[in-house]
Amino acid sequence: MAKSAELKKTLKYFTKDGTPLELVMDRTWRVFTEDGGQAEIAEREGPLPRMVTKSYTKEEVQKMVDSNYATDDGGAQNKEPRPFTDALAGKSFEFYFDKGVDEPVTLTYRFETANKLYWSGHGRTEELPAYYEALNADDTVIMVHHLRRGSEPIECITLFIDTESYLTTCCYHKLGNDYEAREVSRTFWFGAAKKPDGTFPEGRQGYSDYLVGKTIRWEYFVDEPNMNHIYMSNTFSACCVILPKKGRGFGGAFPSRYVGLKDTLHIYSWVEELGSGTHGMVCIDFRNAADEGKVHDVGCFFGFSVRDDLEFFTYAGPGKLAPLGVINEDYSH
């Protein structure tokens, strides 16, 4: 296998006058090529080369969780207004996941209010309470995001429930993997919710390459920064952030997964390995893409920030499809 030094490549973007803007990534398990920004997976050789954070032991991570997250109110971490929905309040669901798992997983949820639920299953027989946040991904799919308190390492669940077809995708995230105790590992489970007639629908959602080759400029901020997600391959993506007023910016590339919920609704998931190891995820609605490329997303984060705070929050915002590699109107591939 090639040594890590041989895997060092450069991602290149160009301004309109031809001046190169380079993003240099040095990874031990990813190979960046210059033919369209594609990436292929190589065997991982060891711990990640951290750029902005330091490694912690499992014990240190648990202490950080206990000290940084004393309450269940994840909403307090994000002051931005979000389009929360109370559509699930007073409802109960039984979920069955049989794709993307070694053994089928059954989960039972009882949504007591717009922000409090009780869940059981996946090794837990008793009902456990949790604070949750729910947002409409489109007209039928609802994203539900909550922590699993009491688990070590701490776990997080994000559900995408289609209230019309009852097909459901679950992202199971937890802190820690074989290399970094602070890095988030995640798995997607595909299944369904039991319908009112007592049956489960056939068919399952799954991984998709719909986003590959696309670029979206997200308009989360009024003035700056300008943020672009570039979906380079089935396994990797890049994020470019430009600060126009300061005349500078930064970028990074992350291992990514894409899930198709509908023809017009797709999940983008990434782990910020070269940063803090946190996990970000958005569910992108393409129903209005024919109108000047307009899209919209709801999203969430779980993991440690670069400030060593435990992140758990949701967000939402508009975006616009852009030519591949575009950073903003003044920078194009």
Protein backbone atom coordinates (compact mmCIF):
# COMPACT_ATOMS: atom_id res chain seq x y z
CA MET A 1 0.00 0.00 0.00
CA ALA A 2 1.24 3.49 -0.70
CA LYS A 3 2.72 5.37 2.25
CA SER A 4 0.95 8.42 3.59
CA ALA A 5 3.57 10.72 2.07
CA GLU A 6 2.59 9.38 -1.34
CA LEU A 7 -1.07 10.15 -0.67
CA LYS A 8 -0.52 13.87 -0.28
CA LYS A 9 -2.33 15.65 -3.09
CA THR A 10 -3.72 19.10 -3.80
CA LEU A 11 -7.29 20.10 -4.57
CA LYS A 12 -7.20 23.06 -6.93
CA TYR A 13 -9.81 25.74 -7.55
CA PHE A 14 -9.32 28.69 -9.86
CA THR A 15 -10.52 32.27 -9.85
CA LYS A 16 -11.93 33.75 -13.04
CA ASP A 17 -8.56 35.28 -13.94
CA GLY A 18 -6.91 31.87 -13.75
CA THR A 19 -5.16 32.35 -10.41
CA PRO A 20 -5.05 29.01 -8.56
CA LEU A 21 -6.55 28.72 -5.09
CA GLU A 22 -5.19 25.54 -3.53
CA LEU A 23 -6.56 23.44 -0.71
CA VAL A 24 -3.85 21.05 0.41
CA MET A 25 -4.99 17.98 2.27
CA ASP A 26 -2.59 15.48 3.84
CA ARG A 27 -4.49 12.34 4.80
CA THR A 28 -3.38 8.85 5.59
CA TRP A 29 -6.41 7.13 4.14
CA ARG A 30 -7.73 9.24 1.27
CA VAL A 31 -6.26 9.85 -2.16
CA PHE A 32 -7.19 13.08 -3.92
CA THR A 33 -6.78 13.09 -7.65
CA GLU A 34 -6.85 16.09 -9.94
CA ASP A 35 -9.22 14.64 -12.54
CA GLY A 36 -12.44 16.17 -11.32
CA GLY A 37 -11.66 16.07 -7.62
CA GLN A 38 -12.54 12.42 -7.21
CA ALA A 39 -11.34 10.48 -4.18
CA GLU A 40 -10.68 6.83 -3.49
CA ILE A 41 -10.29 5.04 -0.19
CA ALA A 42 -6.97 3.65 1.00
CA GLU A 43 -6.42 1.61 4.14
CA ARG A 44 -6.25 3.77 7.23
CA GLU A 45 -2.79 3.75 8.82
CA GLY A 46 -3.42 5.17 12.28
CA PRO A 47 -4.58 8.18 14.29
CA LEU A 48 -5.72 11.27 12.44
CA PRO A 49 -3.36 14.19 11.88
CA ARG A 50 -5.31 16.74 13.93
CA MET A 51 -5.15 20.33 12.79
CA VAL A 52 -7.12 22.33 15.35
CA THR A 53 -7.82 20.01 18.27
CA LYS A 54 -6.05 17.46 20.41
CA SER A 55 -6.80 13.84 21.17
CA TYR A 56 -8.48 12.73 24.40
CA THR A 57 -8.91 9.43 26.18
CA LYS A 58 -12.37 7.87 26.58
CA GLU A 59 -12.35 8.87 30.24
CA GLU A 60 -11.50 12.47 29.40
CA VAL A 61 -14.25 12.57 26.77
CA GLN A 62 -16.83 11.32 29.26
CA LYS A 63 -15.81 13.99 31.77
CA MET A 64 -16.16 16.60 29.04
CA VAL A 65 -19.64 15.28 28.23
CA ASP A 66 -20.68 15.41 31.89
CA SER A 67 -19.34 18.93 32.43
CA ASN A 68 -20.40 20.46 29.09
CA TYR A 69 -23.88 19.03 28.84
CA ALA A 70 -25.66 19.07 32.16
CA THR A 71 -29.16 19.58 30.73
CA ASP A 72 -31.26 18.07 27.98
CA ASP A 73 -32.10 21.40 26.37
CA GLY A 74 -30.07 21.18 23.18
CA GLY A 75 -31.97 24.13 21.78
CA ALA A 76 -30.12 26.45 24.14
CA GLN A 77 -26.98 25.87 22.06
CA ASN A 78 -28.41 27.46 18.92
CA LYS A 79 -29.91 30.94 19.17
CA GLU A 80 -30.94 31.10 15.52
CA PRO A 81 -34.69 30.76 14.85
CA ARG A 82 -35.62 27.40 13.39
CA PRO A 83 -38.91 26.15 11.93
CA PHE A 84 -39.69 23.62 14.65
CA THR A 85 -42.78 21.47 14.18
CA ASP A 86 -45.10 20.03 16.82
CA ALA A 87 -46.68 17.61 14.34
CA LEU A 88 -45.45 14.56 16.29
CA ALA A 89 -46.72 15.67 19.71
CA GLY A 90 -49.16 13.14 21.13
CA LYS A 91 -48.21 10.43 18.63
CA SER A 92 -46.45 7.06 19.03
CA PHE A 93 -44.44 5.01 16.55
CA GLU A 94 -42.91 1.56 16.32
CA PHE A 95 -39.88 1.50 14.00
CA TYR A 96 -38.30 -1.56 12.44
CA PHE A 97 -34.88 -1.30 10.75
CA ASP A 98 -33.61 -4.27 8.76
CA LYS A 99 -31.23 -2.69 6.20
CA GLY A 100 -27.81 -1.32 7.17
CA VAL A 101 -27.77 -3.32 10.43
CA ASP A 102 -26.25 -6.68 11.36
CA GLU A 103 -29.43 -7.65 13.19
CA PRO A 104 -32.87 -6.00 12.89
CA VAL A 105 -33.44 -3.11 15.32
CA THR A 106 -36.81 -2.22 16.80
CA LEU A 107 -37.43 1.17 18.42
CA THR A 108 -40.57 2.48 20.10
CA TYR A 109 -41.20 6.21 20.41
CA ARG A 110 -43.83 8.16 22.28
CA PHE A 111 -43.78 11.89 21.55
CA GLU A 112 -45.32 13.49 24.63
CA THR A 113 -44.90 17.15 23.63
CA ALA A 114 -43.23 19.16 20.88
CA ASN A 115 -39.85 18.74 22.61
CA LYS A 116 -40.11 15.74 24.95
CA LEU A 117 -40.22 12.10 23.92
CA TYR A 118 -39.88 8.66 25.48
CA TRP A 119 -38.11 5.85 23.66
CA SER A 120 -37.21 2.19 24.19
CA GLY A 121 -35.62 -0.63 22.24
CA HIS A 122 -32.12 -1.30 20.87
CA GLY A 123 -31.15 -2.99 24.15
CA ARG A 124 -33.30 -0.78 26.40
CA THR A 125 -36.49 -2.31 27.78
CA GLU A 126 -37.63 0.64 29.90
CA GLU A 127 -38.92 3.93 28.50
CA LEU A 128 -36.28 6.64 28.61
CA PRO A 129 -37.02 10.38 28.33
CA ALA A 130 -35.22 12.70 25.92
CA TYR A 131 -35.36 16.30 24.77
CA TYR A 132 -35.79 16.39 20.97
CA GLU A 133 -36.02 18.86 18.13
CA ALA A 134 -38.20 18.21 15.07
CA LEU A 135 -38.17 20.08 11.76
CA ASN A 136 -40.06 19.57 8.51
CA ALA A 137 -37.69 18.42 5.77
CA ASP A 138 -40.47 18.72 3.17
CA ASP A 139 -44.25 18.33 3.14
CA THR A 140 -44.24 14.75 4.54
CA VAL A 141 -40.77 14.01 6.02
CA ILE A 142 -39.90 15.13 9.56
CA MET A 143 -36.37 15.13 10.99
CA VAL A 144 -36.12 14.22 14.69
CA HIS A 145 -32.83 14.81 16.55
CA HIS A 146 -32.12 13.73 20.15
CA LEU A 147 -29.43 12.50 22.53
CA ARG A 148 -29.48 9.16 24.31
CA ARG A 149 -28.69 10.15 27.87
CA GLY A 150 -26.82 7.68 30.07
CA SER A 151 -24.97 5.87 27.29
CA GLU A 152 -21.16 5.72 27.41
CA PRO A 153 -19.91 6.88 25.04
CA ILE A 154 -22.85 9.21 24.56
CA GLU A 155 -25.09 8.39 21.58
CA CYS A 156 -27.37 10.41 19.35
CA ILE A 157 -30.29 9.45 17.12
CA THR A 158 -31.59 11.33 14.08
CA LEU A 159 -34.76 9.99 12.48
CA PHE A 160 -36.19 10.93 9.09
CA ILE A 161 -39.83 9.86 9.23
CA ASP A 162 -42.00 9.95 6.13
CA THR A 163 -45.48 10.41 7.57
CA GLU A 164 -47.08 9.47 4.24
CA SER A 165 -45.17 6.34 3.14
CA TYR A 166 -43.97 5.48 6.69
CA LEU A 167 -40.51 4.67 5.31
CA THR A 168 -37.92 5.78 7.86
CA THR A 169 -34.15 6.27 7.89
CA CYS A 170 -32.21 6.47 11.16
CA CYS A 171 -28.72 7.87 11.65
CA TYR A 172 -27.14 6.32 14.73
CA HIS A 173 -24.18 8.44 15.89
CA LYS A 174 -21.89 7.93 18.86
CA LEU A 175 -18.69 9.44 20.19
CA GLY A 176 -15.52 7.47 19.63
CA ASN A 177 -14.02 4.96 17.22
CA ASP A 178 -10.89 2.81 17.10
CA TYR A 179 -8.69 5.87 16.55
CA GLU A 180 -10.15 8.90 18.29
CA ALA A 181 -12.32 9.01 21.41
CA ARG A 182 -13.66 12.43 20.48
CA GLU A 183 -14.49 11.61 16.85
CA VAL A 184 -18.04 10.73 15.89
CA SER A 185 -18.81 7.45 14.17
CA ARG A 186 -22.16 7.02 12.46
CA THR A 187 -24.25 4.35 10.79
CA PHE A 188 -27.42 4.63 8.72
CA TRP A 189 -30.27 2.20 9.37
CA PHE A 190 -33.07 1.85 6.82
CA GLY A 191 -36.53 0.67 7.73
CA ALA A 192 -40.09 1.80 8.34
CA ALA A 193 -42.66 2.81 10.91
CA LYS A 194 -45.67 0.61 11.54
CA LYS A 195 -48.72 1.91 9.69
CA PRO A 196 -52.12 2.46 11.38
CA ASP A 197 -53.31 -0.88 9.97
CA GLY A 198 -50.54 -2.68 11.90
CA THR A 199 -48.34 -3.52 8.91
CA PHE A 200 -44.94 -2.24 7.80
CA PRO A 201 -44.54 -0.89 4.26
CA GLU A 202 -42.33 -2.72 1.80
CA GLY A 203 -39.29 -1.15 0.17
CA ARG A 204 -36.48 0.73 1.84
CA GLN A 205 -34.61 3.98 1.36
CA GLY A 206 -30.84 3.76 0.86
CA TYR A 207 -27.58 5.29 -0.29
CA SER A 208 -27.63 7.47 -3.39
CA ASP A 209 -25.20 9.19 -5.77
CA TYR A 210 -27.67 11.96 -6.67
CA LEU A 211 -25.54 14.68 -5.04
CA VAL A 212 -22.25 13.61 -6.63
CA GLY A 213 -20.98 16.28 -9.02
CA LYS A 214 -23.12 19.05 -7.55
CA THR A 215 -22.19 22.18 -5.62
CA ILE A 216 -24.54 24.14 -3.34
CA ARG A 217 -23.87 27.59 -1.98
CA TRP A 218 -25.61 27.86 1.39
CA GLU A 219 -27.03 31.17 2.51
CA TYR A 220 -27.07 30.62 6.25
CA PHE A 221 -25.58 34.07 6.81
CA VAL A 222 -26.79 37.47 5.57
CA ASP A 223 -23.40 38.99 4.77
CA GLU A 224 -20.60 36.50 5.38
CA PRO A 225 -19.19 33.95 5.38
CA ASN A 226 -20.13 32.41 2.02
CA MET A 227 -20.26 28.64 2.36
CA ASN A 228 -20.14 26.07 -0.43
CA HIS A 229 -20.49 22.31 -0.18
CA ILE A 230 -18.89 20.47 -3.09
CA TYR A 231 -20.03 16.85 -3.42
CA MET A 232 -17.00 15.36 -5.15
CA SER A 233 -17.58 11.61 -4.97
CA ASN A 234 -19.62 8.92 -3.25
CA THR A 235 -17.19 8.96 -0.34
CA PHE A 236 -15.87 12.50 -0.08
CA SER A 237 -16.93 16.16 -0.16
CA ALA A 238 -15.36 19.56 0.37
CA CYS A 239 -16.47 22.69 2.17
CA CYS A 240 -15.15 26.12 1.16
CA VAL A 241 -15.79 29.16 3.34
CA ILE A 242 -14.92 32.62 2.02
CA LEU A 243 -14.85 35.75 4.17
CA PRO A 244 -15.23 38.53 1.56
CA LYS A 245 -14.86 41.42 4.00
CA LYS A 246 -11.64 40.00 5.40
CA GLY A 247 -10.25 38.93 2.05
CA ARG A 248 -9.54 35.38 3.13
CA GLY A 249 -11.17 32.01 3.69
CA PHE A 250 -10.59 28.38 4.52
CA GLY A 251 -11.59 24.96 3.30
CA GLY A 252 -11.59 21.30 4.18
CA ALA A 253 -12.50 17.90 2.80
CA PHE A 254 -14.43 15.25 4.67
CA PRO A 255 -15.51 11.59 4.36
CA SER A 256 -19.17 11.74 3.40
CA ARG A 257 -22.26 9.62 2.82
CA TYR A 258 -25.38 10.42 0.82
CA VAL A 259 -28.85 8.95 1.33
CA GLY A 260 -31.86 9.27 -0.96
CA LEU A 261 -35.20 9.58 0.84
CA LYS A 262 -37.19 10.64 -2.24
CA ASP A 263 -36.35 11.79 -5.75
CA THR A 264 -36.34 15.35 -4.42
CA LEU A 265 -35.03 14.80 -0.87
CA HIS A 266 -31.46 13.78 -0.07
CA ILE A 267 -29.25 13.51 3.04
CA TYR A 268 -25.64 14.68 3.10
CA SER A 269 -23.55 13.46 6.06
CA TRP A 270 -19.94 14.37 6.84
CA VAL A 271 -17.41 13.97 9.68
CA GLU A 272 -14.96 16.84 10.23
CA GLU A 273 -11.91 14.66 10.77
CA LEU A 274 -9.36 17.38 10.11
CA GLY A 275 -11.14 19.57 12.62
CA SER A 276 -12.85 18.56 15.83
CA GLY A 277 -14.27 15.20 14.70
CA THR A 278 -17.88 16.43 14.89
CA HIS A 279 -20.61 15.05 12.63
CA GLY A 280 -22.78 17.30 10.49
CA MET A 281 -25.81 16.28 8.47
CA VAL A 282 -28.34 18.07 6.26
CA CYS A 283 -31.49 16.92 4.50
CA ILE A 284 -31.80 18.84 1.24
CA ASP A 285 -35.13 19.57 -0.45
CA PHE A 286 -34.78 19.90 -4.25
CA ARG A 287 -38.46 20.46 -5.07
CA ASN A 288 -37.82 24.06 -6.18
CA ALA A 289 -34.48 23.46 -7.87
CA ALA A 290 -35.98 24.32 -11.26
CA ASP A 291 -36.52 27.88 -9.96
CA GLU A 292 -33.00 29.28 -10.41
CA GLY A 293 -31.48 26.32 -8.55
CA LYS A 294 -33.16 27.11 -5.25
CA VAL A 295 -32.93 24.45 -2.53
CA HIS A 296 -33.56 24.34 1.22
CA ASP A 297 -32.26 22.17 4.03
CA VAL A 298 -32.77 21.18 7.64
CA GLY A 299 -29.72 19.90 9.47
CA CYS A 300 -28.07 18.94 12.72
CA PHE A 301 -24.73 18.57 14.45
CA PHE A 302 -23.47 16.12 17.05
CA GLY A 303 -19.97 15.95 18.52
CA PHE A 304 -17.32 18.21 20.01
CA SER A 305 -16.64 21.65 18.62
CA VAL A 306 -13.13 23.10 18.23
CA ARG A 307 -13.78 24.72 21.63
CA ASP A 308 -14.35 21.29 23.19
CA ASP A 309 -18.07 21.96 23.72
CA LEU A 310 -20.47 19.11 23.09
CA GLU A 311 -22.51 20.17 20.06
CA PHE A 312 -26.10 19.05 19.76
CA PHE A 313 -28.39 21.30 17.78
CA THR A 314 -30.44 21.69 14.63
CA TYR A 315 -30.53 24.38 11.96
CA ALA A 316 -32.10 25.23 8.62
CA GLY A 317 -31.47 27.52 5.68
CA PRO A 318 -31.77 28.25 1.95
CA GLY A 319 -29.21 27.45 -0.72
CA LYS A 320 -28.66 27.58 -4.43
CA LEU A 321 -27.14 25.14 -6.90
CA ALA A 322 -23.90 26.44 -8.37
CA PRO A 323 -21.45 25.29 -11.06
CA LEU A 324 -19.12 22.55 -9.81
CA GLY A 325 -16.36 24.05 -7.71
CA VAL A 326 -17.86 27.55 -7.39
CA ILE A 327 -16.94 29.22 -4.12
CA ASN A 328 -19.02 32.36 -4.67
CA GLU A 329 -19.91 34.65 -7.53
CA ASP A 330 -16.31 35.91 -7.77
CA TYR A 331 -14.59 32.50 -7.62
CA SER A 332 -15.33 29.71 -10.04
CA HIS A 333 -13.76 26.36 -10.81
